[in-house]
Amino acid sequence: MENYIVSARKYRPATFASVVGQKALTTTLLNSITKNRLAHAYLFTGSRGVGKTSCARIFAKTINCQHRTPAGEACNECQSCIEFNRGTSLNIVELDAASNNGVDDIRSLTEQVQVPPINAQYRVFIVDEVHMLSPAAFNAFLKTLEEPPSYVIFILATTEKHKIIPTILSRCQIYDFSRITIQDIVDHLGYVASQENITVESAALNVIARKADGAMRDALSIFDQVAASTSGNVTYTATIDNLNILDYEYYDRLVESFLAANVPEALLIYKEIRDKGFDSQFFINGLAQHFRDLMVARDPKTIQLLEAADNARNAMAKVAEKCTPQFL
């Protein structure tokens, strides 16, 4: 029986071209490699699941690749690339600062820095969650980070740049990773579904993308969950049921009852929502967001700002036509 691999690992990008939603940033990194303008320290910062660690690994693999492609990407065929892909490369060292955040851990790292690369040009040290280092560990790291050997490159990754001391920041080239857009997530999930022979509805992927809140890793995990529960037929209805999401149709019905000043109907709809287990605060926040979406949907110029499937946009536009800005 073939071992199952979750989508977040199976479809983890292996080249800069396969990184989703960070085109400008990956182009800059690729150009710095092809022009041999490499800094000795980088800081990758951004919210969870946007590709920071993946890009750090791709960068580390590419700079040591012995036969890069014409586009500058790693070939994935040379000895260095093969060792990296197998996880046996001695030239790439990863440290999780969340669980190795003391002075002794950093001293051990600085001792490894003195060991030159084996059959490669660089040794790359990737320090994930670097903001978790203790103040003493940061200070112990400063000198090595400022003046490492010529064959060493540090890549620090963090979700909380504001927790890193200024003296560390000043020694790094800083790359800010953006949250991945709804459309980019939907497109990538569609690609994954086609590879896995899973039937999907576009509206369902849009729900998953919104639930992921800009994080591709979260989107892939949610997609796996929904695909498993629906036996490979990911529909909109099954998705909102599985993820316990309040369907926009409830909000549309409420707005209709508000417009008609039908208080009993509004109360009955609210009872439906409560009976389905939704918290009142969650409902109120969702209703406020729905009013904002209706405001956007009123004007053809701004409806493109609405992050929703086409059928949902059209439905909201019809409801929004009945509402005045003052009402909303």
C-alpha atoms as a PDB file:
ATOM      1  CA  MET A   1       0.000   0.000   0.000  1.00  0.00           C
ATOM      2  CA  GLU A   2       1.411   3.378  -1.022  1.00  0.00           C
ATOM      3  CA  ASN A   3       2.151   5.746   1.850  1.00  0.00           C
ATOM      4  CA  TYR A   4      -0.143   8.783   1.891  1.00  0.00           C
ATOM      5  CA  ILE A   5       1.579  12.179   1.815  1.00  0.00           C
ATOM      6  CA  VAL A   6      -0.405  15.262   2.788  1.00  0.00           C
ATOM      7  CA  SER A   7      -0.756  17.849   0.023  1.00  0.00           C
ATOM      8  CA  ALA A   8       1.167  20.523   1.947  1.00  0.00           C
ATOM      9  CA  ARG A   9       4.250  18.264   1.746  1.00  0.00           C
ATOM     10  CA  LYS A  10       3.595  16.567  -1.576  1.00  0.00           C
ATOM     11  CA  TYR A  11       3.117  19.872  -3.420  1.00  0.00           C
ATOM     12  CA  ARG A  12       5.720  21.871  -1.541  1.00  0.00           C
ATOM     13  CA  PRO A  13       7.518  24.024  -4.144  1.00  0.00           C
ATOM     14  CA  ALA A  14      10.886  22.701  -5.352  1.00  0.00           C
ATOM     15  CA  THR A  15      11.823  25.624  -7.621  1.00  0.00           C
ATOM     16  CA  PHE A  16      11.310  29.377  -7.501  1.00  0.00           C
ATOM     17  CA  ALA A  17       8.883  29.097 -10.438  1.00  0.00           C
ATOM     18  CA  SER A  18       6.620  26.785  -8.422  1.00  0.00           C
ATOM     19  CA  VAL A  19       6.324  29.177  -5.462  1.00  0.00           C
ATOM     20  CA  VAL A  20       2.772  30.554  -5.360  1.00  0.00           C
ATOM     21  CA  GLY A  21       1.982  34.229  -4.810  1.00  0.00           C
ATOM     22  CA  GLN A  22       5.521  35.627  -4.348  1.00  0.00           C
ATOM     23  CA  LYS A  23       6.516  36.412  -7.938  1.00  0.00           C
ATOM     24  CA  ALA A  24       8.382  39.688  -7.351  1.00  0.00           C
ATOM     25  CA  LEU A  25      10.290  38.311  -4.383  1.00  0.00           C
ATOM     26  CA  THR A  26      11.347  35.060  -6.048  1.00  0.00           C
ATOM     27  CA  THR A  27      12.435  36.969  -9.165  1.00  0.00           C
ATOM     28  CA  THR A  28      14.690  39.156  -7.010  1.00  0.00           C
ATOM     29  CA  LEU A  29      16.227  36.121  -5.295  1.00  0.00           C
ATOM     30  CA  LEU A  30      16.763  34.365  -8.623  1.00  0.00           C
ATOM     31  CA  ASN A  31      18.423  37.451 -10.099  1.00  0.00           C
ATOM     32  CA  SER A  32      20.771  37.737  -7.126  1.00  0.00           C
ATOM     33  CA  ILE A  33      21.845  34.120  -7.719  1.00  0.00           C
ATOM     34  CA  THR A  34      22.326  34.402 -11.486  1.00  0.00           C
ATOM     35  CA  LYS A  35      24.303  37.656 -11.078  1.00  0.00           C
ATOM     36  CA  ASN A  36      26.277  36.216  -8.142  1.00  0.00           C
ATOM     37  CA  ARG A  37      25.322  39.097  -5.865  1.00  0.00           C
ATOM     38  CA  LEU A  38      24.730  37.101  -2.689  1.00  0.00           C
ATOM     39  CA  ALA A  39      24.498  38.637   0.763  1.00  0.00           C
ATOM     40  CA  HIS A  40      25.840  36.774   3.778  1.00  0.00           C
ATOM     41  CA  ALA A  41      22.566  37.064   5.728  1.00  0.00           C
ATOM     42  CA  TYR A  42      18.891  37.176   4.748  1.00  0.00           C
ATOM     43  CA  LEU A  43      15.730  37.617   6.791  1.00  0.00           C
ATOM     44  CA  PHE A  44      12.516  36.164   5.370  1.00  0.00           C
ATOM     45  CA  THR A  45       9.492  37.563   7.192  1.00  0.00           C
ATOM     46  CA  GLY A  46       5.746  37.170   6.735  1.00  0.00           C
ATOM     47  CA  SER A  47       2.664  35.416   8.096  1.00  0.00           C
ATOM     48  CA  ARG A  48       2.428  31.653   8.434  1.00  0.00           C
ATOM     49  CA  GLY A  49       2.208  29.390   5.412  1.00  0.00           C
ATOM     50  CA  VAL A  50       3.332  31.892   2.747  1.00  0.00           C
ATOM     51  CA  GLY A  51       6.523  30.098   1.673  1.00  0.00           C
ATOM     52  CA  LYS A  52       9.336  31.510   3.820  1.00  0.00           C
ATOM     53  CA  THR A  53      11.007  28.207   4.729  1.00  0.00           C
ATOM     54  CA  SER A  54      10.292  26.724   1.295  1.00  0.00           C
ATOM     55  CA  CYS A  55      12.017  29.673  -0.399  1.00  0.00           C
ATOM     56  CA  ALA A  56      14.942  29.393   2.021  1.00  0.00           C
ATOM     57  CA  ARG A  57      15.416  25.728   1.047  1.00  0.00           C
ATOM     58  CA  ILE A  58      15.061  26.452  -2.674  1.00  0.00           C
ATOM     59  CA  PHE A  59      17.588  29.286  -2.349  1.00  0.00           C
ATOM     60  CA  ALA A  60      20.020  27.026  -0.478  1.00  0.00           C
ATOM     61  CA  LYS A  61      19.680  24.281  -3.085  1.00  0.00           C
ATOM     62  CA  THR A  62      19.990  26.619  -6.061  1.00  0.00           C
ATOM     63  CA  ILE A  63      23.181  28.421  -5.020  1.00  0.00           C
ATOM     64  CA  ASN A  64      24.971  25.066  -4.708  1.00  0.00           C
ATOM     65  CA  CYS A  65      23.531  23.524  -7.873  1.00  0.00           C
ATOM     66  CA  GLN A  66      26.314  22.484 -10.247  1.00  0.00           C
ATOM     67  CA  HIS A  67      24.281  22.713 -13.476  1.00  0.00           C
ATOM     68  CA  ARG A  68      21.612  25.392 -13.152  1.00  0.00           C
ATOM     69  CA  THR A  69      18.978  25.648 -15.893  1.00  0.00           C
ATOM     70  CA  PRO A  70      19.016  28.541 -18.412  1.00  0.00           C
ATOM     71  CA  ALA A  71      16.364  30.223 -16.215  1.00  0.00           C
ATOM     72  CA  GLY A  72      18.721  29.989 -13.232  1.00  0.00           C
ATOM     73  CA  GLU A  73      16.769  27.307 -11.376  1.00  0.00           C
ATOM     74  CA  ALA A  74      18.274  24.245  -9.669  1.00  0.00           C
ATOM     75  CA  CYS A  75      18.593  21.279 -12.036  1.00  0.00           C
ATOM     76  CA  ASN A  76      17.491  18.662  -9.443  1.00  0.00           C
ATOM     77  CA  GLU A  77      19.858  16.210 -11.175  1.00  0.00           C
ATOM     78  CA  CYS A  78      23.388  17.061 -10.005  1.00  0.00           C
ATOM     79  CA  GLN A  79      24.941  15.457  -6.922  1.00  0.00           C
ATOM     80  CA  SER A  80      24.279  18.518  -4.745  1.00  0.00           C
ATOM     81  CA  CYS A  81      20.596  18.676  -5.712  1.00  0.00           C
ATOM     82  CA  ILE A  82      20.128  14.924  -5.269  1.00  0.00           C
ATOM     83  CA  GLU A  83      21.641  15.033  -1.773  1.00  0.00           C
ATOM     84  CA  PHE A  84      19.450  17.991  -0.868  1.00  0.00           C
ATOM     85  CA  ASN A  85      16.269  16.318  -2.142  1.00  0.00           C
ATOM     86  CA  ARG A  86      17.122  13.165  -0.182  1.00  0.00           C
ATOM     87  CA  GLY A  87      17.732  15.223   2.964  1.00  0.00           C
ATOM     88  CA  THR A  88      21.345  14.032   3.233  1.00  0.00           C
ATOM     89  CA  SER A  89      23.158  17.242   2.288  1.00  0.00           C
ATOM     90  CA  LEU A  90      25.758  18.331   4.843  1.00  0.00           C
ATOM     91  CA  ASN A  91      25.919  21.805   3.309  1.00  0.00           C
ATOM     92  CA  ILE A  92      22.452  22.868   4.449  1.00  0.00           C
ATOM     93  CA  VAL A  93      21.816  23.067   8.184  1.00  0.00           C
ATOM     94  CA  GLU A  94      18.367  23.861   9.611  1.00  0.00           C
ATOM     95  CA  LEU A  95      17.775  25.033  13.169  1.00  0.00           C
ATOM     96  CA  ASP A  96      14.344  25.433  14.756  1.00  0.00           C
ATOM     97  CA  ALA A  97      14.845  28.393  17.081  1.00  0.00           C
ATOM     98  CA  ALA A  98      11.518  27.701  18.793  1.00  0.00           C
ATOM     99  CA  SER A  99      13.010  24.648  20.512  1.00  0.00           C
ATOM    100  CA  ASN A 100      16.721  25.552  20.278  1.00  0.00           C
ATOM    101  CA  ASN A 101      16.721  29.113  21.538  1.00  0.00           C
ATOM    102  CA  GLY A 102      19.480  29.211  24.132  1.00  0.00           C
ATOM    103  CA  VAL A 103      23.066  30.438  24.138  1.00  0.00           C
ATOM    104  CA  ASP A 104      24.425  26.887  23.978  1.00  0.00           C
ATOM    105  CA  ASP A 105      22.388  26.175  20.844  1.00  0.00           C
ATOM    106  CA  ILE A 106      23.813  29.248  19.116  1.00  0.00           C
ATOM    107  CA  ARG A 107      27.348  28.380  20.216  1.00  0.00           C
ATOM    108  CA  SER A 108      26.896  24.935  18.696  1.00  0.00           C
ATOM    109  CA  LEU A 109      25.739  26.618  15.491  1.00  0.00           C
ATOM    110  CA  THR A 110      28.731  28.966  15.375  1.00  0.00           C
ATOM    111  CA  GLU A 111      31.057  25.981  15.812  1.00  0.00           C
ATOM    112  CA  GLN A 112      29.477  24.350  12.752  1.00  0.00           C
ATOM    113  CA  VAL A 113      30.067  27.569  10.798  1.00  0.00           C
ATOM    114  CA  GLN A 114      33.816  26.879  10.911  1.00  0.00           C
ATOM    115  CA  VAL A 115      33.383  23.664   8.901  1.00  0.00           C
ATOM    116  CA  PRO A 116      33.763  24.405   5.145  1.00  0.00           C
ATOM    117  CA  PRO A 117      31.314  23.012   2.564  1.00  0.00           C
ATOM    118  CA  ILE A 118      31.799  19.549   1.079  1.00  0.00           C
ATOM    119  CA  ASN A 119      31.841  19.421  -2.729  1.00  0.00           C
ATOM    120  CA  ALA A 120      29.952  22.715  -2.901  1.00  0.00           C
ATOM    121  CA  GLN A 121      30.534  26.458  -2.824  1.00  0.00           C
ATOM    122  CA  TYR A 122      28.418  27.400   0.196  1.00  0.00           C
ATOM    123  CA  ARG A 123      27.137  26.152   3.520  1.00  0.00           C
ATOM    124  CA  VAL A 124      23.681  27.544   4.237  1.00  0.00           C
ATOM    125  CA  PHE A 125      22.271  27.844   7.754  1.00  0.00           C
ATOM    126  CA  ILE A 126      18.475  28.233   7.917  1.00  0.00           C
ATOM    127  CA  VAL A 127      17.215  29.443  11.300  1.00  0.00           C
ATOM    128  CA  ASP A 128      13.425  29.122  11.482  1.00  0.00           C
ATOM    129  CA  GLU A 129      11.297  31.091  13.976  1.00  0.00           C
ATOM    130  CA  VAL A 130      14.360  33.196  14.756  1.00  0.00           C
ATOM    131  CA  HIS A 131      12.340  35.619  16.892  1.00  0.00           C
ATOM    132  CA  MET A 132      12.174  32.874  19.549  1.00  0.00           C
ATOM    133  CA  LEU A 133      15.886  33.220  20.374  1.00  0.00           C
ATOM    134  CA  SER A 134      16.586  34.501  23.872  1.00  0.00           C
ATOM    135  CA  PRO A 135      18.231  37.946  24.266  1.00  0.00           C
ATOM    136  CA  ALA A 136      21.487  36.251  25.288  1.00  0.00           C
ATOM    137  CA  ALA A 137      21.329  33.958  22.234  1.00  0.00           C
ATOM    138  CA  PHE A 138      20.758  36.952  19.942  1.00  0.00           C
ATOM    139  CA  ASN A 139      23.831  38.663  21.376  1.00  0.00           C
ATOM    140  CA  ALA A 140      25.915  35.504  21.010  1.00  0.00           C
ATOM    141  CA  PHE A 141      24.826  35.303  17.377  1.00  0.00           C
ATOM    142  CA  LEU A 142      25.676  38.898  16.461  1.00  0.00           C
ATOM    143  CA  LYS A 143      29.395  38.608  15.724  1.00  0.00           C
ATOM    144  CA  THR A 144      29.058  35.452  13.635  1.00  0.00           C
ATOM    145  CA  LEU A 145      26.149  36.938  11.690  1.00  0.00           C
ATOM    146  CA  GLU A 146      28.109  40.100  10.945  1.00  0.00           C
ATOM    147  CA  GLU A 147      31.353  38.474   9.798  1.00  0.00           C
ATOM    148  CA  PRO A 148      30.800  34.837   8.792  1.00  0.00           C
ATOM    149  CA  PRO A 149      33.318  32.926   6.657  1.00  0.00           C
ATOM    150  CA  SER A 150      33.011  33.636   2.916  1.00  0.00           C
ATOM    151  CA  TYR A 151      31.422  30.233   2.281  1.00  0.00           C
ATOM    152  CA  VAL A 152      28.575  30.730   4.806  1.00  0.00           C
ATOM    153  CA  ILE A 153      25.109  32.188   4.156  1.00  0.00           C
ATOM    154  CA  PHE A 154      22.500  32.642   6.882  1.00  0.00           C
ATOM    155  CA  ILE A 155      18.768  32.643   6.125  1.00  0.00           C
ATOM    156  CA  LEU A 156      16.607  33.635   9.079  1.00  0.00           C
ATOM    157  CA  ALA A 157      12.828  33.138   8.935  1.00  0.00           C
ATOM    158  CA  THR A 158      10.219  34.687  11.213  1.00  0.00           C
ATOM    159  CA  THR A 159       6.535  35.476  11.513  1.00  0.00           C
ATOM    160  CA  GLU A 160       7.238  38.291  13.996  1.00  0.00           C
ATOM    161  CA  LYS A 161       9.907  40.660  12.719  1.00  0.00           C
ATOM    162  CA  HIS A 162       9.128  43.227  15.426  1.00  0.00           C
ATOM    163  CA  LYS A 163      10.538  40.840  18.063  1.00  0.00           C
ATOM    164  CA  ILE A 164      13.988  40.756  16.460  1.00  0.00           C
ATOM    165  CA  ILE A 165      16.549  43.186  17.862  1.00  0.00           C
ATOM    166  CA  PRO A 166      17.621  46.051  15.541  1.00  0.00           C
ATOM    167  CA  THR A 167      21.260  44.946  15.552  1.00  0.00           C
ATOM    168  CA  ILE A 168      20.235  41.651  13.924  1.00  0.00           C
ATOM    169  CA  LEU A 169      17.944  43.367  11.408  1.00  0.00           C
ATOM    170  CA  SER A 170      20.707  45.756  10.327  1.00  0.00           C
ATOM    171  CA  ARG A 171      22.933  42.826   9.361  1.00  0.00           C
ATOM    172  CA  CYS A 172      20.372  41.187   7.036  1.00  0.00           C
ATOM    173  CA  GLN A 173      18.774  41.745   3.681  1.00  0.00           C
ATOM    174  CA  ILE A 174      15.074  41.724   4.564  1.00  0.00           C
ATOM    175  CA  TYR A 175      12.448  40.116   2.317  1.00  0.00           C
ATOM    176  CA  ASP A 176       8.786  40.621   3.236  1.00  0.00           C
ATOM    177  CA  PHE A 177       6.529  37.795   2.063  1.00  0.00           C
ATOM    178  CA  SER A 178       2.970  38.865   1.263  1.00  0.00           C
ATOM    179  CA  ARG A 179      -0.209  37.002   2.136  1.00  0.00           C
ATOM    180  CA  ILE A 180      -1.296  34.845  -0.796  1.00  0.00           C
ATOM    181  CA  THR A 181      -4.350  36.135  -2.647  1.00  0.00           C
ATOM    182  CA  ILE A 182      -7.646  34.254  -2.786  1.00  0.00           C
ATOM    183  CA  GLN A 183      -7.330  33.764  -6.554  1.00  0.00           C
ATOM    184  CA  ASP A 184      -3.772  32.387  -6.328  1.00  0.00           C
ATOM    185  CA  ILE A 185      -4.892  29.892  -3.682  1.00  0.00           C
ATOM    186  CA  VAL A 186      -7.935  28.859  -5.737  1.00  0.00           C
ATOM    187  CA  ASP A 187      -5.797  28.354  -8.848  1.00  0.00           C
ATOM    188  CA  HIS A 188      -3.254  26.236  -6.973  1.00  0.00           C
ATOM    189  CA  LEU A 189      -5.931  24.133  -5.275  1.00  0.00           C
ATOM    190  CA  GLY A 190      -7.465  23.554  -8.693  1.00  0.00           C
ATOM    191  CA  TYR A 191      -4.091  22.300  -9.941  1.00  0.00           C
ATOM    192  CA  VAL A 192      -3.709  19.980  -6.936  1.00  0.00           C
ATOM    193  CA  ALA A 193      -7.229  18.639  -7.462  1.00  0.00           C
ATOM    194  CA  SER A 194      -6.482  17.870 -11.120  1.00  0.00           C
ATOM    195  CA  GLN A 195      -3.317  16.008 -10.140  1.00  0.00           C
ATOM    196  CA  GLU A 196      -5.154  13.978  -7.504  1.00  0.00           C
ATOM    197  CA  ASN A 197      -8.211  13.275  -9.732  1.00  0.00           C
ATOM    198  CA  ILE A 198     -10.502  15.064  -7.283  1.00  0.00           C
ATOM    199  CA  THR A 199     -13.693  16.683  -8.562  1.00  0.00           C
ATOM    200  CA  VAL A 200     -14.121  20.232  -7.251  1.00  0.00           C
ATOM    201  CA  GLU A 201     -16.521  23.143  -7.506  1.00  0.00           C
ATOM    202  CA  SER A 202     -14.963  26.584  -7.907  1.00  0.00           C
ATOM    203  CA  ALA A 203     -17.197  27.985  -5.157  1.00  0.00           C
ATOM    204  CA  ALA A 204     -15.903  25.300  -2.759  1.00  0.00           C
ATOM    205  CA  LEU A 205     -12.277  26.212  -3.481  1.00  0.00           C
ATOM    206  CA  ASN A 206     -13.133  29.862  -2.872  1.00  0.00           C
ATOM    207  CA  VAL A 207     -14.534  28.980   0.560  1.00  0.00           C
ATOM    208  CA  ILE A 208     -11.366  27.036   1.415  1.00  0.00           C
ATOM    209  CA  ALA A 209      -9.173  29.905   0.188  1.00  0.00           C
ATOM    210  CA  ARG A 210     -11.012  32.434   2.346  1.00  0.00           C
ATOM    211  CA  LYS A 211     -10.837  30.121   5.357  1.00  0.00           C
ATOM    212  CA  ALA A 212      -7.045  29.793   4.881  1.00  0.00           C
ATOM    213  CA  ASP A 213      -6.613  33.552   5.390  1.00  0.00           C
ATOM    214  CA  GLY A 214      -3.696  33.997   2.987  1.00  0.00           C
ATOM    215  CA  ALA A 215      -1.752  30.868   4.011  1.00  0.00           C
ATOM    216  CA  MET A 216      -1.184  28.253   1.303  1.00  0.00           C
ATOM    217  CA  ARG A 217      -0.175  25.569   3.795  1.00  0.00           C
ATOM    218  CA  ASP A 218      -3.456  26.044   5.680  1.00  0.00           C
ATOM    219  CA  ALA A 219      -5.401  25.939   2.405  1.00  0.00           C
ATOM    220  CA  LEU A 220      -3.845  22.612   1.413  1.00  0.00           C
ATOM    221  CA  SER A 221      -4.526  21.123   4.864  1.00  0.00           C
ATOM    222  CA  ILE A 222      -8.176  22.235   4.728  1.00  0.00           C
ATOM    223  CA  PHE A 223      -8.460  20.912   1.172  1.00  0.00           C
ATOM    224  CA  ASP A 224      -7.193  17.480   2.284  1.00  0.00           C
ATOM    225  CA  GLN A 225      -9.721  17.454   5.128  1.00  0.00           C
ATOM    226  CA  VAL A 226     -12.673  18.303   2.876  1.00  0.00           C
ATOM    227  CA  ALA A 227     -11.549  15.937   0.094  1.00  0.00           C
ATOM    228  CA  ALA A 228     -11.332  13.065   2.599  1.00  0.00           C
ATOM    229  CA  SER A 229     -14.781  13.738   4.049  1.00  0.00           C
ATOM    230  CA  THR A 230     -16.411  13.997   0.603  1.00  0.00           C
ATOM    231  CA  SER A 231     -14.664  10.984  -0.957  1.00  0.00           C
ATOM    232  CA  GLY A 232     -13.026  13.124  -3.612  1.00  0.00           C
ATOM    233  CA  ASN A 233     -16.085  15.139  -4.690  1.00  0.00           C
ATOM    234  CA  VAL A 234     -15.575  18.609  -3.199  1.00  0.00           C
ATOM    235  CA  THR A 235     -18.855  20.527  -3.524  1.00  0.00           C
ATOM    236  CA  TYR A 236     -19.767  23.926  -2.094  1.00  0.00           C
ATOM    237  CA  THR A 237     -22.466  22.486   0.181  1.00  0.00           C
ATOM    238  CA  ALA A 238     -20.220  19.725   1.514  1.00  0.00           C
ATOM    239  CA  THR A 239     -17.417  22.215   2.133  1.00  0.00           C
ATOM    240  CA  ILE A 240     -19.428  24.670   4.231  1.00  0.00           C
ATOM    241  CA  ASP A 241     -20.943  21.750   6.178  1.00  0.00           C
ATOM    242  CA  ASN A 242     -17.552  20.164   6.814  1.00  0.00           C
ATOM    243  CA  LEU A 243     -15.888  23.429   7.863  1.00  0.00           C
ATOM    244  CA  ASN A 244     -18.953  24.658   9.784  1.00  0.00           C
ATOM    245  CA  ILE A 245     -19.060  27.906   7.808  1.00  0.00           C
ATOM    246  CA  LEU A 246     -22.107  30.165   7.833  1.00  0.00           C
ATOM    247  CA  ASP A 247     -23.381  30.366   4.252  1.00  0.00           C
ATOM    248  CA  TYR A 248     -23.811  33.869   2.793  1.00  0.00           C
ATOM    249  CA  GLU A 249     -27.383  32.892   1.856  1.00  0.00           C
ATOM    250  CA  TYR A 250     -28.384  33.239   5.528  1.00  0.00           C
ATOM    251  CA  TYR A 251     -27.122  36.814   5.508  1.00  0.00           C
ATOM    252  CA  ASP A 252     -28.934  37.542   2.233  1.00  0.00           C
ATOM    253  CA  ARG A 253     -32.205  36.257   3.722  1.00  0.00           C
ATOM    254  CA  LEU A 254     -31.654  38.431   6.786  1.00  0.00           C
ATOM    255  CA  VAL A 255     -31.074  41.513   4.664  1.00  0.00           C
ATOM    256  CA  GLU A 256     -34.273  40.781   2.753  1.00  0.00           C
ATOM    257  CA  SER A 257     -36.202  40.598   6.036  1.00  0.00           C
ATOM    258  CA  PHE A 258     -34.565  43.849   7.242  1.00  0.00           C
ATOM    259  CA  LEU A 259     -35.567  45.612   4.029  1.00  0.00           C
ATOM    260  CA  ALA A 260     -39.144  44.391   4.486  1.00  0.00           C
ATOM    261  CA  ALA A 261     -39.099  45.340   8.199  1.00  0.00           C
ATOM    262  CA  ASN A 262     -40.141  41.726   8.865  1.00  0.00           C
ATOM    263  CA  VAL A 263     -38.992  41.288  12.469  1.00  0.00           C
ATOM    264  CA  PRO A 264     -40.496  37.804  13.038  1.00  0.00           C
ATOM    265  CA  GLU A 265     -38.772  36.438   9.917  1.00  0.00           C
ATOM    266  CA  ALA A 266     -35.436  37.944  11.013  1.00  0.00           C
ATOM    267  CA  LEU A 267     -35.764  36.330  14.452  1.00  0.00           C
ATOM    268  CA  LEU A 268     -36.594  32.941  12.930  1.00  0.00           C
ATOM    269  CA  ILE A 269     -33.539  33.113  10.634  1.00  0.00           C
ATOM    270  CA  TYR A 270     -31.383  34.029  13.631  1.00  0.00           C
ATOM    271  CA  LYS A 271     -32.791  31.005  15.498  1.00  0.00           C
ATOM    272  CA  GLU A 272     -31.788  28.788  12.543  1.00  0.00           C
ATOM    273  CA  ILE A 273     -28.263  30.132  12.760  1.00  0.00           C
ATOM    274  CA  ARG A 274     -28.068  29.566  16.527  1.00  0.00           C
ATOM    275  CA  ASP A 275     -29.497  26.046  16.150  1.00  0.00           C
ATOM    276  CA  LYS A 276     -26.682  25.201  13.743  1.00  0.00           C
ATOM    277  CA  GLY A 277     -24.234  25.959  16.579  1.00  0.00           C
ATOM    278  CA  PHE A 278     -22.851  29.335  15.492  1.00  0.00           C
ATOM    279  CA  ASP A 279     -21.729  31.731  18.206  1.00  0.00           C
ATOM    280  CA  SER A 280     -23.507  35.122  18.328  1.00  0.00           C
ATOM    281  CA  GLN A 281     -20.273  37.111  18.166  1.00  0.00           C
ATOM    282  CA  PHE A 282     -19.148  35.088  15.140  1.00  0.00           C
ATOM    283  CA  PHE A 283     -22.519  35.775  13.503  1.00  0.00           C
ATOM    284  CA  ILE A 284     -22.387  39.543  14.159  1.00  0.00           C
ATOM    285  CA  ASN A 285     -18.847  39.796  12.735  1.00  0.00           C
ATOM    286  CA  GLY A 286     -19.952  37.860   9.659  1.00  0.00           C
ATOM    287  CA  LEU A 287     -23.006  40.105   9.217  1.00  0.00           C
ATOM    288  CA  ALA A 288     -20.830  43.231   9.400  1.00  0.00           C
ATOM    289  CA  GLN A 289     -18.538  41.752   6.745  1.00  0.00           C
ATOM    290  CA  HIS A 290     -21.584  40.925   4.612  1.00  0.00           C
ATOM    291  CA  PHE A 291     -22.795  44.540   4.787  1.00  0.00           C
ATOM    292  CA  ARG A 292     -19.374  45.680   3.664  1.00  0.00           C
ATOM    293  CA  ASP A 293     -19.495  43.201   0.766  1.00  0.00           C
ATOM    294  CA  LEU A 294     -22.934  44.489  -0.226  1.00  0.00           C
ATOM    295  CA  MET A 295     -21.592  48.036  -0.255  1.00  0.00           C
ATOM    296  CA  VAL A 296     -18.815  46.893  -2.584  1.00  0.00           C
ATOM    297  CA  ALA A 297     -21.221  44.895  -4.746  1.00  0.00           C
ATOM    298  CA  ARG A 298     -23.514  47.903  -5.357  1.00  0.00           C
ATOM    299  CA  ASP A 299     -21.114  49.448  -7.871  1.00  0.00           C
ATOM    300  CA  PRO A 300     -19.781  47.592 -10.955  1.00  0.00           C
ATOM    301  CA  LYS A 301     -16.505  49.477 -10.477  1.00  0.00           C
ATOM    302  CA  THR A 302     -15.889  48.029  -7.033  1.00  0.00           C
ATOM    303  CA  ILE A 303     -17.491  44.581  -7.288  1.00  0.00           C
ATOM    304  CA  GLN A 304     -14.112  43.228  -8.418  1.00  0.00           C
ATOM    305  CA  LEU A 305     -12.885  43.889  -4.853  1.00  0.00           C
ATOM    306  CA  LEU A 306     -15.261  41.195  -3.670  1.00  0.00           C
ATOM    307  CA  GLU A 307     -13.274  38.029  -2.925  1.00  0.00           C
ATOM    308  CA  ALA A 308     -15.936  35.493  -3.848  1.00  0.00           C
ATOM    309  CA  ALA A 309     -16.962  33.113  -6.615  1.00  0.00           C
ATOM    310  CA  ASP A 310     -18.840  34.573  -9.589  1.00  0.00           C
ATOM    311  CA  ASN A 311     -22.197  33.103  -8.550  1.00  0.00           C
ATOM    312  CA  ALA A 312     -21.816  34.596  -5.053  1.00  0.00           C
ATOM    313  CA  ARG A 313     -20.883  37.982  -6.552  1.00  0.00           C
ATOM    314  CA  ASN A 314     -23.936  37.948  -8.783  1.00  0.00           C
ATOM    315  CA  ALA A 315     -26.211  36.995  -5.892  1.00  0.00           C
ATOM    316  CA  MET A 316     -24.805  39.772  -3.708  1.00  0.00           C
ATOM    317  CA  ALA A 317     -25.128  42.299  -6.537  1.00  0.00           C
ATOM    318  CA  LYS A 318     -28.858  41.483  -6.846  1.00  0.00           C
ATOM    319  CA  VAL A 319     -29.391  41.977  -3.103  1.00  0.00           C
ATOM    320  CA  ALA A 320     -27.227  45.129  -3.074  1.00  0.00           C
ATOM    321  CA  GLU A 321     -29.391  46.736  -5.779  1.00  0.00           C
ATOM    322  CA  LYS A 322     -32.251  46.863  -3.265  1.00  0.00           C
ATOM    323  CA  CYS A 323     -30.117  48.601  -0.602  1.00  0.00           C
ATOM    324  CA  THR A 324     -29.240  52.273  -0.295  1.00  0.00           C
ATOM    325  CA  PRO A 325     -25.824  53.306   1.073  1.00  0.00           C
ATOM    326  CA  GLN A 326     -27.658  54.907   4.022  1.00  0.00           C
ATOM    327  CA  PHE A 327     -29.369  51.592   4.828  1.00  0.00           C
ATOM    328  CA  LEU A 328     -26.102  49.662   4.682  1.00  0.00           C
END
